Amino acid sequence: MVKVKICGITNLEDALVAVEAGADALGFNFYPKSPRYIEPGTAGRIIQTLPPFIASVGIFVNAERNRVEEIIKETRISVLQFHGNEKPEGCQFDMPVIKAVSVGFSVEALKAYREICGVLLDSPHRGSFGGMGEVFDWTEAEKYKILARPIIISGGLGPENVEEAIQKVSPYGVDACSRLEKEPGKKNHQYVRQFITRAKSVNRK
């Protein structure tokens, strides 16, 4: 069954709704310029309430290593997700790391990221870093499977298209954010529940 991550969590209510609906992971955005930015202290308090098998993913964009380490310590996040121009050596930590890239990023260049545990494919960001709600051509995901790393697809996923995306790509996981919101940082709980239910209902190829 496909794994589901709900990203852009900023409050406890949204986190608990996602978990109760069946989410496998929650994303906490520590990029200060994001409208979904969350203070580490707030994220830490939310994470403390989560069940033991729910992954807490910290989202970073070109952050200094010492800042990442401070947030790890303060929040107890369990997975790192790097969305910026981080080099392979900047993605080496003693915990799982996901490298997010825009579709079109060189497969050969990604081979240098030997320590990552997964690749998140997103729409071209055009100056922003995720959360734009734009769908990419899902057939482009196929070429990244040569990396032998779990593939997570993002970019414009919502209740209306997640089943088709899973059927076409057969990814390890799906990641949704803006299409599940009533405003940036605030989830529409009906959309969250529909998204997770529909994603989990699909039998992958």
Protein backbone atom coordinates (compact mmCIF):
# COMPACT_ATOMS: atom_id res chain seq x y z
CA MET A 1 0.00 0.00 0.00
CA VAL A 2 1.28 3.45 -0.91
CA LYS A 3 2.61 5.64 1.89
CA VAL A 4 0.95 9.02 2.43
CA LYS A 5 2.59 12.18 3.73
CA ILE A 6 0.57 15.28 4.59
CA CYS A 7 2.87 18.27 4.41
CA GLY A 8 2.67 21.82 5.70
CA ILE A 9 1.38 20.92 9.17
CA THR A 10 1.25 24.02 11.40
CA ASN A 11 -1.14 23.06 14.18
CA LEU A 12 -2.13 20.13 16.37
CA GLU A 13 -5.70 19.83 15.08
CA ASP A 14 -4.58 19.31 11.48
CA ALA A 15 -1.93 16.83 12.60
CA LEU A 16 -4.41 14.71 14.54
CA VAL A 17 -6.97 14.72 11.73
CA ALA A 18 -4.32 13.48 9.28
CA VAL A 19 -3.14 10.76 11.64
CA GLU A 20 -6.66 9.58 12.41
CA ALA A 21 -7.39 9.45 8.67
CA GLY A 22 -4.41 7.13 8.11
CA ALA A 23 -1.44 9.33 7.19
CA ASP A 24 1.95 7.63 7.48
CA ALA A 25 3.96 10.84 7.79
CA LEU A 26 3.53 14.52 8.55
CA GLY A 27 5.69 17.29 7.11
CA PHE A 28 6.85 20.31 9.12
CA ASN A 29 8.26 23.21 7.11
CA PHE A 30 11.27 24.95 8.64
CA TYR A 31 11.93 27.22 5.65
CA PRO A 32 11.37 30.73 7.09
CA LYS A 33 10.11 32.16 3.78
CA SER A 34 7.34 29.60 3.45
CA PRO A 35 3.74 30.56 4.32
CA ARG A 36 3.63 27.17 6.04
CA TYR A 37 6.67 27.83 8.23
CA ILE A 38 6.36 26.45 11.74
CA GLU A 39 8.46 27.39 14.75
CA PRO A 40 10.55 24.43 15.93
CA GLY A 41 9.12 24.67 19.43
CA THR A 42 5.58 24.39 18.11
CA ALA A 43 6.53 21.48 15.86
CA GLY A 44 8.19 19.72 18.77
CA ARG A 45 5.06 19.94 20.89
CA ILE A 46 2.94 18.51 18.07
CA ILE A 47 5.42 15.70 17.42
CA GLN A 48 5.34 14.71 21.09
CA THR A 49 1.63 13.91 20.75
CA LEU A 50 1.99 11.67 17.67
CA PRO A 51 1.66 7.88 17.80
CA PRO A 52 5.00 6.01 17.70
CA PHE A 53 4.84 4.79 14.09
CA ILE A 54 4.06 8.14 12.46
CA ALA A 55 7.08 9.69 10.73
CA SER A 56 7.74 13.37 11.39
CA VAL A 57 9.52 14.94 8.42
CA GLY A 58 11.42 18.21 8.67
CA ILE A 59 11.47 20.31 5.48
CA PHE A 60 14.58 22.43 4.87
CA VAL A 61 15.75 24.70 2.06
CA ASN A 62 19.47 25.51 1.91
CA ALA A 63 19.68 25.59 5.70
CA GLU A 64 23.01 25.70 7.53
CA ARG A 65 23.97 22.32 8.93
CA ASN A 66 24.16 23.59 12.50
CA ARG A 67 20.62 24.98 12.17
CA VAL A 68 19.34 21.62 10.93
CA GLU A 69 21.03 19.89 13.86
CA GLU A 70 19.50 22.36 16.33
CA ILE A 71 16.02 21.69 14.97
CA ILE A 72 16.55 17.93 15.06
CA LYS A 73 17.45 18.19 18.73
CA GLU A 74 14.59 20.54 19.59
CA THR A 75 11.81 18.78 17.68
CA ARG A 76 12.82 15.10 17.55
CA ILE A 77 11.88 14.91 13.86
CA SER A 78 12.57 11.45 12.45
CA VAL A 79 13.26 12.23 8.78
CA LEU A 80 14.96 15.10 6.95
CA GLN A 81 13.74 16.39 3.57
CA PHE A 82 15.95 18.80 1.66
CA HIS A 83 14.26 20.98 -0.96
CA GLY A 84 17.06 23.34 -1.93
CA ASN A 85 20.39 23.18 -3.74
CA GLU A 86 22.03 20.97 -1.13
CA LYS A 87 25.09 19.04 -2.33
CA PRO A 88 25.46 15.30 -1.68
CA GLU A 89 27.75 15.92 1.28
CA GLY A 90 25.15 18.25 2.76
CA CYS A 91 22.61 15.44 2.81
CA GLN A 92 24.63 13.12 5.03
CA PHE A 93 23.13 12.76 8.49
CA ASP A 94 22.75 9.91 10.95
CA MET A 95 19.06 9.61 10.12
CA PRO A 96 16.91 9.09 7.01
CA VAL A 97 17.20 11.82 4.37
CA ILE A 98 14.90 12.48 1.41
CA LYS A 99 16.15 14.69 -1.43
CA ALA A 100 13.42 16.66 -3.15
CA VAL A 101 14.06 17.66 -6.76
CA SER A 102 12.09 19.20 -9.57
CA VAL A 103 11.20 16.86 -12.41
CA GLY A 104 13.92 17.40 -14.98
CA PHE A 105 16.73 17.27 -12.44
CA SER A 106 19.52 15.09 -13.81
CA VAL A 107 19.26 11.42 -12.93
CA GLU A 108 23.04 11.18 -13.25
CA ALA A 109 23.51 14.02 -10.77
CA LEU A 110 21.19 12.30 -8.31
CA LYS A 111 23.37 9.19 -8.35
CA ALA A 112 25.92 11.15 -6.31
CA TYR A 113 23.44 11.34 -3.41
CA ARG A 114 24.34 7.88 -2.17
CA GLU A 115 23.22 8.40 1.42
CA ILE A 116 19.61 9.41 0.75
CA CYS A 117 16.77 7.00 1.50
CA GLY A 118 14.33 8.39 -1.05
CA VAL A 119 13.69 10.89 -3.84
CA LEU A 120 10.73 13.26 -3.83
CA LEU A 121 9.72 14.47 -7.29
CA ASP A 122 8.02 17.85 -7.44
CA SER A 123 6.91 20.27 -10.14
CA PRO A 124 9.46 22.81 -11.41
CA HIS A 125 9.54 25.47 -8.70
CA ARG A 126 10.37 28.59 -10.74
CA GLY A 127 11.86 30.43 -7.78
CA SER A 128 9.77 28.78 -5.07
CA PHE A 129 10.42 25.56 -3.21
CA GLY A 130 7.34 23.33 -3.26
CA GLY A 131 3.77 23.98 -2.20
CA MET A 132 2.77 25.51 -5.54
CA GLY A 133 -0.04 23.08 -6.31
CA GLU A 134 1.11 22.41 -9.86
CA VAL A 135 0.97 18.94 -11.41
CA PHE A 136 3.87 17.63 -13.48
CA ASP A 137 3.87 15.01 -16.25
CA TRP A 138 3.81 11.82 -14.19
CA THR A 139 5.40 9.78 -16.97
CA GLU A 140 8.61 11.69 -16.19
CA ALA A 141 8.89 9.80 -12.90
CA GLU A 142 9.74 6.55 -14.66
CA LYS A 143 13.33 7.52 -15.47
CA TYR A 144 14.14 8.07 -11.79
CA LYS A 145 13.38 4.46 -10.89
CA ILE A 146 16.84 3.48 -12.11
CA LEU A 147 18.16 5.03 -8.89
CA ALA A 148 16.75 2.09 -6.91
CA ARG A 149 15.47 4.49 -4.27
CA PRO A 150 11.88 4.89 -3.10
CA ILE A 151 10.11 7.47 -5.28
CA ILE A 152 7.67 9.89 -3.69
CA ILE A 153 5.56 12.09 -5.94
CA SER A 154 4.35 15.55 -5.04
CA GLY A 155 3.14 18.63 -6.86
CA GLY A 156 -0.54 19.41 -7.22
CA LEU A 157 -1.85 16.19 -5.73
CA GLY A 158 -5.33 16.24 -4.25
CA PRO A 159 -8.35 13.98 -3.74
CA GLU A 160 -9.34 14.44 -7.38
CA ASN A 161 -6.14 13.08 -8.95
CA VAL A 162 -4.18 10.99 -6.43
CA GLU A 163 -5.65 7.68 -7.60
CA GLU A 164 -4.64 8.34 -11.20
CA ALA A 165 -1.15 9.42 -10.12
CA ILE A 166 -0.59 6.22 -8.15
CA GLN A 167 -1.91 4.04 -10.96
CA LYS A 168 0.41 5.71 -13.49
CA VAL A 169 3.58 5.94 -11.41
CA SER A 170 3.27 3.19 -8.78
CA PRO A 171 5.32 5.28 -6.33
CA TYR A 172 6.48 4.37 -2.85
CA GLY A 173 4.61 7.37 -1.53
CA VAL A 174 2.56 10.47 -2.29
CA ASP A 175 2.92 13.89 -0.69
CA ALA A 176 0.22 16.56 -0.62
CA CYS A 177 0.03 20.07 0.76
CA SER A 178 -1.61 23.04 -0.95
CA ARG A 179 -4.51 21.14 -2.60
CA LEU A 180 -5.63 20.07 0.89
CA GLU A 181 -5.79 23.59 2.31
CA LYS A 182 -8.47 26.19 2.90
CA GLU A 183 -5.65 28.73 3.25
CA PRO A 184 -1.85 28.36 3.47
CA GLY A 185 -1.03 26.43 6.63
CA LYS A 186 -4.64 25.49 7.42
CA LYS A 187 -6.00 22.16 6.21
CA ASN A 188 -9.45 21.39 4.87
CA HIS A 189 -10.16 18.30 6.93
CA GLN A 190 -12.60 16.85 4.43
CA TYR A 191 -9.97 17.05 1.68
CA VAL A 192 -7.35 15.47 3.94
CA ARG A 193 -9.60 12.52 4.72
CA GLN A 194 -10.63 12.07 1.08
CA PHE A 195 -7.04 12.24 -0.12
CA ILE A 196 -5.79 9.60 2.30
CA THR A 197 -8.76 7.28 1.76
CA ARG A 198 -8.42 7.42 -2.01
CA ALA A 199 -4.64 6.99 -1.96
CA LYS A 200 -4.87 3.97 0.30
CA SER A 201 -7.60 2.38 -1.84
CA VAL A 202 -5.39 2.01 -4.92
CA ASN A 203 -3.73 -1.28 -5.79
CA ARG A 204 -0.38 -0.36 -7.29
CA LYS A 205 0.99 -2.02 -10.41
